[in-house]
Amino acid sequence: QVQLVESGGGLVQAGGSLRLSCAASGRTFRTYAMGWFRQAPGKEREFVSIVSWTGGYTYSADPVKGRFTISRDNAKNTVYLQMNSLKPEDTAVYYCAAKKTTDNYSDSYYWGYWGQGTQVTVSS
C-alpha cells in the first residue's frame, strides 16, 4: 500500500514561488501515476497536475499551465510540484495523490491514495 506525506506549503506573496514535495512509501510507488489536487474553503477538490510512473507524461490543468511543473524522482520516492508566479486564487490545501493508471485523472474518485494536504496561501 502507498502512503503519501506532503510538505513545502506556506505563505507567499503574489508572484512568488513554492515547491511542494510528496514523500511516498511502498514498493509499488514506481509503477503508480502521481498527481496533485487542491481544495479551497467551500469549493470542490480540483485537479492540478499528473505525472506518469516513468515521468515521461505530464499534464496540468488550464489555470496552472505555464506556472506549475510536476516531476518525480523515483530513486527518492518523491513527487514535486514547482509553483511559480503564484496568484491569490492559487490559495488552497494541496493534496498529493496516487493511482494505478493515467486515465480518468481529473476526477478525484479514481485516485486511490491521498496525503493529508499542505496549506498554500498567496497574499495580494
C-alpha atoms as a PDB file:
ATOM      1  CA  GLN A   1       0.000   0.000   0.000  1.00  0.00           C
ATOM      2  CA  VAL A   2       1.155   3.525  -0.799  1.00  0.00           C
ATOM      3  CA  GLN A   3       1.375   6.196   1.896  1.00  0.00           C
ATOM      4  CA  LEU A   4       1.849   9.860   0.981  1.00  0.00           C
ATOM      5  CA  VAL A   5       3.025  12.846   3.038  1.00  0.00           C
ATOM      6  CA  GLU A   6       3.072  16.393   1.626  1.00  0.00           C
ATOM      7  CA  SER A   7       5.324  19.239   2.706  1.00  0.00           C
ATOM      8  CA  GLY A   8       6.515  22.627   1.485  1.00  0.00           C
ATOM      9  CA  GLY A   9       3.380  24.715   1.812  1.00  0.00           C
ATOM     10  CA  GLY A  10       3.345  28.149   3.366  1.00  0.00           C
ATOM     11  CA  LEU A  11       2.567  31.829   2.958  1.00  0.00           C
ATOM     12  CA  VAL A  12       3.887  33.653  -0.093  1.00  0.00           C
ATOM     13  CA  GLN A  13       3.163  36.945  -1.834  1.00  0.00           C
ATOM     14  CA  ALA A  14       1.643  37.075  -5.301  1.00  0.00           C
ATOM     15  CA  GLY A  15       4.282  36.459  -7.939  1.00  0.00           C
ATOM     16  CA  GLY A  16       6.377  34.310  -5.639  1.00  0.00           C
ATOM     17  CA  SER A  17       7.247  30.626  -5.786  1.00  0.00           C
ATOM     18  CA  LEU A  18       6.927  27.497  -3.687  1.00  0.00           C
ATOM     19  CA  ARG A  19       7.948  23.898  -4.207  1.00  0.00           C
ATOM     20  CA  LEU A  20       5.746  21.205  -2.734  1.00  0.00           C
ATOM     21  CA  SER A  21       7.090  17.739  -2.025  1.00  0.00           C
ATOM     22  CA  CYS A  22       5.280  14.447  -1.594  1.00  0.00           C
ATOM     23  CA  ALA A  23       7.179  11.648   0.085  1.00  0.00           C
ATOM     24  CA  ALA A  24       5.838   8.196  -0.748  1.00  0.00           C
ATOM     25  CA  SER A  25       6.334   4.857   0.920  1.00  0.00           C
ATOM     26  CA  GLY A  26       5.630   1.468  -0.570  1.00  0.00           C
ATOM     27  CA  ARG A  27       7.367  -0.772  -3.055  1.00  0.00           C
ATOM     28  CA  THR A  28       4.770  -0.104  -5.774  1.00  0.00           C
ATOM     29  CA  PHE A  29       5.438   3.648  -5.907  1.00  0.00           C
ATOM     30  CA  ARG A  30       7.479   3.336  -9.101  1.00  0.00           C
ATOM     31  CA  THR A  31       4.512   1.917 -11.042  1.00  0.00           C
ATOM     32  CA  TYR A  32       1.890   4.461  -9.900  1.00  0.00           C
ATOM     33  CA  ALA A  33       0.886   7.653 -11.595  1.00  0.00           C
ATOM     34  CA  MET A  34       1.153  10.572  -9.184  1.00  0.00           C
ATOM     35  CA  GLY A  35      -0.752  13.816  -9.063  1.00  0.00           C
ATOM     36  CA  TRP A  36      -1.716  16.934  -7.196  1.00  0.00           C
ATOM     37  CA  PHE A  37      -5.166  18.268  -6.336  1.00  0.00           C
ATOM     38  CA  ARG A  38      -6.174  21.371  -4.440  1.00  0.00           C
ATOM     39  CA  GLN A  39      -9.213  22.455  -2.461  1.00  0.00           C
ATOM     40  CA  ALA A  40     -10.161  25.937  -1.318  1.00  0.00           C
ATOM     41  CA  PRO A  41     -12.689  26.502   1.505  1.00  0.00           C
ATOM     42  CA  GLY A  42     -16.238  25.929   0.308  1.00  0.00           C
ATOM     43  CA  LYS A  43     -15.110  24.604  -3.080  1.00  0.00           C
ATOM     44  CA  GLU A  44     -14.796  21.186  -4.687  1.00  0.00           C
ATOM     45  CA  ARG A  45     -11.471  19.420  -4.867  1.00  0.00           C
ATOM     46  CA  GLU A  46      -9.793  20.432  -8.129  1.00  0.00           C
ATOM     47  CA  PHE A  47      -7.312  18.531 -10.290  1.00  0.00           C
ATOM     48  CA  VAL A  48      -3.977  20.309 -10.699  1.00  0.00           C
ATOM     49  CA  SER A  49      -1.392  18.063 -12.346  1.00  0.00           C
ATOM     50  CA  ILE A  50      -0.377  14.458 -13.073  1.00  0.00           C
ATOM     51  CA  VAL A  51       2.837  12.612 -13.912  1.00  0.00           C
ATOM     52  CA  SER A  52       3.105   9.026 -15.171  1.00  0.00           C
ATOM     53  CA  TRP A  53       5.123   6.468 -13.246  1.00  0.00           C
ATOM     54  CA  THR A  54       8.047   6.827 -15.656  1.00  0.00           C
ATOM     55  CA  GLY A  55       7.894  10.615 -15.591  1.00  0.00           C
ATOM     56  CA  GLY A  56       7.519  10.640 -19.376  1.00  0.00           C
ATOM     57  CA  TYR A  57       3.986  12.032 -19.432  1.00  0.00           C
ATOM     58  CA  THR A  58       2.745  15.106 -17.607  1.00  0.00           C
ATOM     59  CA  TYR A  59      -0.396  17.182 -17.819  1.00  0.00           C
ATOM     60  CA  SER A  60      -1.603  20.218 -15.889  1.00  0.00           C
ATOM     61  CA  ALA A  61      -4.974  21.907 -15.622  1.00  0.00           C
ATOM     62  CA  ASP A  62      -5.504  25.149 -17.532  1.00  0.00           C
ATOM     63  CA  PRO A  63      -5.373  27.508 -14.514  1.00  0.00           C
ATOM     64  CA  VAL A  64      -1.800  26.427 -13.704  1.00  0.00           C
ATOM     65  CA  LYS A  65      -0.357  25.686 -17.150  1.00  0.00           C
ATOM     66  CA  GLY A  66       2.892  27.532 -17.703  1.00  0.00           C
ATOM     67  CA  ARG A  67       3.257  28.267 -13.993  1.00  0.00           C
ATOM     68  CA  PHE A  68       3.308  24.874 -12.226  1.00  0.00           C
ATOM     69  CA  THR A  69       5.584  21.951 -13.071  1.00  0.00           C
ATOM     70  CA  ILE A  70       5.175  18.411 -11.763  1.00  0.00           C
ATOM     71  CA  SER A  71       8.084  15.985 -11.591  1.00  0.00           C
ATOM     72  CA  ARG A  72       9.128  12.839  -9.783  1.00  0.00           C
ATOM     73  CA  ASP A  73      12.311  11.212  -8.562  1.00  0.00           C
ATOM     74  CA  ASN A  74      11.637   7.513  -8.191  1.00  0.00           C
ATOM     75  CA  ALA A  75      15.032   6.906  -6.590  1.00  0.00           C
ATOM     76  CA  LYS A  76      13.941   9.201  -3.748  1.00  0.00           C
ATOM     77  CA  ASN A  77      10.279   8.093  -3.761  1.00  0.00           C
ATOM     78  CA  THR A  78       9.301  11.735  -4.070  1.00  0.00           C
ATOM     79  CA  VAL A  79       6.988  13.817  -6.280  1.00  0.00           C
ATOM     80  CA  TYR A  80       7.331  17.577  -6.602  1.00  0.00           C
ATOM     81  CA  LEU A  81       5.149  20.478  -7.633  1.00  0.00           C
ATOM     82  CA  GLN A  82       7.125  23.586  -8.521  1.00  0.00           C
ATOM     83  CA  MET A  83       4.773  26.570  -8.340  1.00  0.00           C
ATOM     84  CA  ASN A  84       5.876  29.845  -9.901  1.00  0.00           C
ATOM     85  CA  SER A  85       4.097  33.157 -10.482  1.00  0.00           C
ATOM     86  CA  LEU A  86       1.637  32.355  -7.730  1.00  0.00           C
ATOM     87  CA  LYS A  87      -1.708  34.135  -7.651  1.00  0.00           C
ATOM     88  CA  PRO A  88      -4.162  34.691  -4.775  1.00  0.00           C
ATOM     89  CA  GLU A  89      -6.578  32.290  -6.484  1.00  0.00           C
ATOM     90  CA  ASP A  90      -3.997  29.521  -6.010  1.00  0.00           C
ATOM     91  CA  THR A  91      -4.693  29.629  -2.270  1.00  0.00           C
ATOM     92  CA  ALA A  92      -5.857  26.169  -1.196  1.00  0.00           C
ATOM     93  CA  VAL A  93      -4.915  22.988   0.579  1.00  0.00           C
ATOM     94  CA  TYR A  94      -2.816  20.959  -1.834  1.00  0.00           C
ATOM     95  CA  TYR A  95      -3.085  17.168  -1.788  1.00  0.00           C
ATOM     96  CA  CYS A  96      -0.776  14.560  -3.225  1.00  0.00           C
ATOM     97  CA  ALA A  97      -2.456  11.506  -4.741  1.00  0.00           C
ATOM     98  CA  ALA A  98      -1.611   8.212  -6.453  1.00  0.00           C
ATOM     99  CA  LYS A  99      -3.390   5.928  -8.912  1.00  0.00           C
ATOM    100  CA  LYS A 100      -2.564   2.848 -10.971  1.00  0.00           C
ATOM    101  CA  THR A 101      -3.274   4.365 -14.397  1.00  0.00           C
ATOM    102  CA  THR A 102      -3.266   7.774 -16.064  1.00  0.00           C
ATOM    103  CA  ASP A 103      -6.890   7.653 -17.257  1.00  0.00           C
ATOM    104  CA  ASN A 104      -9.737   9.495 -15.523  1.00  0.00           C
ATOM    105  CA  TYR A 105      -7.190  11.760 -13.887  1.00  0.00           C
ATOM    106  CA  SER A 106      -9.440  14.805 -13.496  1.00  0.00           C
ATOM    107  CA  ASP A 107     -11.894  13.042 -11.162  1.00  0.00           C
ATOM    108  CA  SER A 108     -10.692  12.529  -7.601  1.00  0.00           C
ATOM    109  CA  TYR A 109     -12.931   9.453  -7.310  1.00  0.00           C
ATOM    110  CA  TYR A 110     -10.463   7.421  -9.391  1.00  0.00           C
ATOM    111  CA  TRP A 111      -7.422   8.200  -7.239  1.00  0.00           C
ATOM    112  CA  GLY A 112      -6.784   5.508  -4.662  1.00  0.00           C
ATOM    113  CA  TYR A 113      -4.307   7.090  -2.252  1.00  0.00           C
ATOM    114  CA  TRP A 114      -4.154  10.540  -0.686  1.00  0.00           C
ATOM    115  CA  GLY A 115      -1.892  12.537   1.566  1.00  0.00           C
ATOM    116  CA  GLN A 116      -3.132  14.776   4.382  1.00  0.00           C
ATOM    117  CA  GLY A 117      -2.560  18.013   2.480  1.00  0.00           C
ATOM    118  CA  THR A 118      -0.407  21.103   2.874  1.00  0.00           C
ATOM    119  CA  GLN A 119      -1.702  24.679   3.024  1.00  0.00           C
ATOM    120  CA  VAL A 120      -0.647  27.199   0.388  1.00  0.00           C
ATOM    121  CA  THR A 121      -1.672  30.809   0.971  1.00  0.00           C
ATOM    122  CA  VAL A 122      -0.923  33.532  -1.580  1.00  0.00           C
ATOM    123  CA  SER A 123      -1.379  37.137  -0.487  1.00  0.00           C
ATOM    124  CA  SER A 124      -2.026  40.048  -2.829  1.00  0.00           C
END
